[in-house]
Amino acid sequence: MRLLQFISKDAKTALSAVADTQKTLKGMRLLRSIVEDVGDKYGLTVQQVCGRKRGKSYVDCRAEIAIKLRKSGYTYPEIAEALDRDTSSIQHLVKRRKRAETSTDTSGA
């Protein structure tokens, strides 16, 4: 018989909570790593990336972060929360960045 069949319901819940916590921590580390790496590329700190400034380098940095996080499996609301933005703002950043990349790719051919 399986080991889990002998474990009480409370213990199963506790084990599940531990697994969820580990998954969450791993996700948070990945998120922070992406924000820091892309921020470094643009010469911005995490605080500046999540700040209120809307200059071109700030917006471009946030857009690149949002795209990388989407490719890593994060949802728009999760990205918005991490960058202290509205979900619709993140969706717009990603859409605009992809549109710009597409127009650059086709006009350069």
C-alpha atoms as a PDB file:
ATOM      1  CA  MET A   1       0.000   0.000   0.000  1.00  0.00           C
ATOM      2  CA  ARG A   2       1.010   3.543  -0.580  1.00  0.00           C
ATOM      3  CA  LEU A   3       2.507   5.551   2.209  1.00  0.00           C
ATOM      4  CA  LEU A   4       0.045   8.405   1.736  1.00  0.00           C
ATOM      5  CA  GLN A   5      -2.855   6.075   2.489  1.00  0.00           C
ATOM      6  CA  PHE A   6      -1.547   5.805   6.043  1.00  0.00           C
ATOM      7  CA  ILE A   7      -0.986   9.490   6.561  1.00  0.00           C
ATOM      8  CA  SER A   8      -3.791  11.404   8.202  1.00  0.00           C
ATOM      9  CA  LYS A   9      -5.692  14.063   6.282  1.00  0.00           C
ATOM     10  CA  ASP A  10      -4.046  16.839   8.322  1.00  0.00           C
ATOM     11  CA  ALA A  11      -0.600  15.512   7.530  1.00  0.00           C
ATOM     12  CA  LYS A  12      -1.457  15.330   3.819  1.00  0.00           C
ATOM     13  CA  THR A  13      -2.631  18.934   3.968  1.00  0.00           C
ATOM     14  CA  ALA A  14       0.579  19.955   5.718  1.00  0.00           C
ATOM     15  CA  LEU A  15       2.730  18.163   3.121  1.00  0.00           C
ATOM     16  CA  SER A  16       0.765  19.822   0.347  1.00  0.00           C
ATOM     17  CA  ALA A  17       1.258  23.231   1.967  1.00  0.00           C
ATOM     18  CA  VAL A  18       5.010  22.651   2.203  1.00  0.00           C
ATOM     19  CA  ALA A  19       5.154  21.669  -1.476  1.00  0.00           C
ATOM     20  CA  ASP A  20       3.136  24.758  -2.438  1.00  0.00           C
ATOM     21  CA  THR A  21       5.439  26.978  -0.380  1.00  0.00           C
ATOM     22  CA  GLN A  22       8.525  25.504  -2.039  1.00  0.00           C
ATOM     23  CA  LYS A  23       6.984  26.047  -5.474  1.00  0.00           C
ATOM     24  CA  THR A  24       6.092  29.638  -4.562  1.00  0.00           C
ATOM     25  CA  LEU A  25       9.612  30.377  -3.306  1.00  0.00           C
ATOM     26  CA  LYS A  26      11.146  28.934  -6.463  1.00  0.00           C
ATOM     27  CA  GLY A  27       8.810  31.094  -8.557  1.00  0.00           C
ATOM     28  CA  MET A  28       9.653  34.192  -6.546  1.00  0.00           C
ATOM     29  CA  ARG A  29      13.378  33.566  -7.027  1.00  0.00           C
ATOM     30  CA  LEU A  30      12.873  33.190 -10.791  1.00  0.00           C
ATOM     31  CA  LEU A  31      10.781  36.351 -10.919  1.00  0.00           C
ATOM     32  CA  ARG A  32      13.324  38.375  -8.944  1.00  0.00           C
ATOM     33  CA  SER A  33      16.169  36.978 -11.033  1.00  0.00           C
ATOM     34  CA  ILE A  34      14.492  38.070 -14.283  1.00  0.00           C
ATOM     35  CA  VAL A  35      13.688  41.535 -12.913  1.00  0.00           C
ATOM     36  CA  GLU A  36      17.265  41.995 -11.663  1.00  0.00           C
ATOM     37  CA  ASP A  37      18.912  40.666 -14.852  1.00  0.00           C
ATOM     38  CA  VAL A  38      16.850  42.787 -17.222  1.00  0.00           C
ATOM     39  CA  GLY A  39      17.101  45.781 -14.894  1.00  0.00           C
ATOM     40  CA  ASP A  40      20.896  45.455 -14.902  1.00  0.00           C
ATOM     41  CA  LYS A  41      20.837  45.401 -18.711  1.00  0.00           C
ATOM     42  CA  TYR A  42      19.022  48.762 -18.658  1.00  0.00           C
ATOM     43  CA  GLY A  43      21.013  50.119 -15.701  1.00  0.00           C
ATOM     44  CA  LEU A  44      17.960  50.111 -13.398  1.00  0.00           C
ATOM     45  CA  THR A  45      17.480  48.792  -9.876  1.00  0.00           C
ATOM     46  CA  VAL A  46      14.477  46.696  -8.851  1.00  0.00           C
ATOM     47  CA  GLN A  47      13.061  49.765  -7.095  1.00  0.00           C
ATOM     48  CA  GLN A  48      13.366  51.832 -10.277  1.00  0.00           C
ATOM     49  CA  VAL A  49      11.798  49.082 -12.394  1.00  0.00           C
ATOM     50  CA  CYS A  50       8.817  48.972 -10.029  1.00  0.00           C
ATOM     51  CA  GLY A  51       8.726  52.750  -9.596  1.00  0.00           C
ATOM     52  CA  ARG A  52       6.433  55.312 -11.191  1.00  0.00           C
ATOM     53  CA  LYS A  53       8.785  56.772 -13.849  1.00  0.00           C
ATOM     54  CA  ARG A  54       7.644  56.373 -17.454  1.00  0.00           C
ATOM     55  CA  GLY A  55      10.761  57.215 -19.435  1.00  0.00           C
ATOM     56  CA  LYS A  56      11.608  55.134 -22.507  1.00  0.00           C
ATOM     57  CA  SER A  57      14.277  53.031 -20.794  1.00  0.00           C
ATOM     58  CA  TYR A  58      11.931  52.276 -17.881  1.00  0.00           C
ATOM     59  CA  VAL A  59       9.067  51.267 -20.163  1.00  0.00           C
ATOM     60  CA  ASP A  60      11.318  49.191 -22.436  1.00  0.00           C
ATOM     61  CA  CYS A  61      12.772  47.432 -19.408  1.00  0.00           C
ATOM     62  CA  ARG A  62       9.328  46.633 -17.994  1.00  0.00           C
ATOM     63  CA  ALA A  63       8.145  45.375 -21.380  1.00  0.00           C
ATOM     64  CA  GLU A  64      11.116  43.022 -21.708  1.00  0.00           C
ATOM     65  CA  ILE A  65      10.575  41.758 -18.159  1.00  0.00           C
ATOM     66  CA  ALA A  66       6.867  41.190 -18.813  1.00  0.00           C
ATOM     67  CA  ILE A  67       7.579  39.210 -21.988  1.00  0.00           C
ATOM     68  CA  LYS A  68      10.210  37.054 -20.270  1.00  0.00           C
ATOM     69  CA  LEU A  69       7.893  36.388 -17.342  1.00  0.00           C
ATOM     70  CA  ARG A  70       5.021  35.448 -19.699  1.00  0.00           C
ATOM     71  CA  LYS A  71       7.341  33.004 -21.469  1.00  0.00           C
ATOM     72  CA  SER A  72       8.225  31.587 -18.029  1.00  0.00           C
ATOM     73  CA  GLY A  73       4.558  30.870 -17.323  1.00  0.00           C
ATOM     74  CA  TYR A  74       3.515  33.858 -15.229  1.00  0.00           C
ATOM     75  CA  THR A  75       0.033  35.289 -15.718  1.00  0.00           C
ATOM     76  CA  TYR A  76      -0.644  38.935 -16.478  1.00  0.00           C
ATOM     77  CA  PRO A  77      -2.050  39.548 -12.960  1.00  0.00           C
ATOM     78  CA  GLU A  78       1.065  37.987 -11.378  1.00  0.00           C
ATOM     79  CA  ILE A  79       3.356  40.140 -13.491  1.00  0.00           C
ATOM     80  CA  ALA A  80       1.274  43.229 -12.758  1.00  0.00           C
ATOM     81  CA  GLU A  81       1.499  42.603  -9.027  1.00  0.00           C
ATOM     82  CA  ALA A  82       5.255  42.060  -9.199  1.00  0.00           C
ATOM     83  CA  LEU A  83       5.838  45.286 -11.141  1.00  0.00           C
ATOM     84  CA  ASP A  84       3.227  47.294  -9.214  1.00  0.00           C
ATOM     85  CA  ARG A  85       1.125  47.953 -12.308  1.00  0.00           C
ATOM     86  CA  ASP A  86      -2.421  47.292 -13.494  1.00  0.00           C
ATOM     87  CA  THR A  87      -2.988  44.074 -15.402  1.00  0.00           C
ATOM     88  CA  SER A  88      -4.153  46.035 -18.446  1.00  0.00           C
ATOM     89  CA  SER A  89      -0.906  48.030 -18.400  1.00  0.00           C
ATOM     90  CA  ILE A  90       1.131  44.829 -18.583  1.00  0.00           C
ATOM     91  CA  GLN A  91      -1.052  43.468 -21.382  1.00  0.00           C
ATOM     92  CA  HIS A  92      -0.550  46.719 -23.298  1.00  0.00           C
ATOM     93  CA  LEU A  93       3.230  46.627 -22.769  1.00  0.00           C
ATOM     94  CA  VAL A  94       3.491  43.088 -24.123  1.00  0.00           C
ATOM     95  CA  LYS A  95       1.165  43.768 -27.059  1.00  0.00           C
ATOM     96  CA  ARG A  96       2.976  46.968 -28.024  1.00  0.00           C
ATOM     97  CA  ARG A  97       6.425  45.355 -27.730  1.00  0.00           C
ATOM     98  CA  LYS A  98       5.413  42.370 -29.867  1.00  0.00           C
ATOM     99  CA  ARG A  99       3.876  44.698 -32.466  1.00  0.00           C
ATOM    100  CA  ALA A 100       7.093  46.750 -32.573  1.00  0.00           C
ATOM    101  CA  GLU A 101       9.216  43.611 -32.966  1.00  0.00           C
ATOM    102  CA  THR A 102       6.978  42.359 -35.778  1.00  0.00           C
ATOM    103  CA  SER A 103       7.110  45.661 -37.678  1.00  0.00           C
ATOM    104  CA  THR A 104      10.906  45.792 -37.263  1.00  0.00           C
ATOM    105  CA  ASP A 105      11.266  42.232 -38.533  1.00  0.00           C
ATOM    106  CA  THR A 106       9.120  42.801 -41.642  1.00  0.00           C
ATOM    107  CA  SER A 107      10.515  46.227 -42.558  1.00  0.00           C
ATOM    108  CA  GLY A 108      14.103  45.026 -42.263  1.00  0.00           C
ATOM    109  CA  ALA A 109      13.630  42.219 -44.804  1.00  0.00           C
END
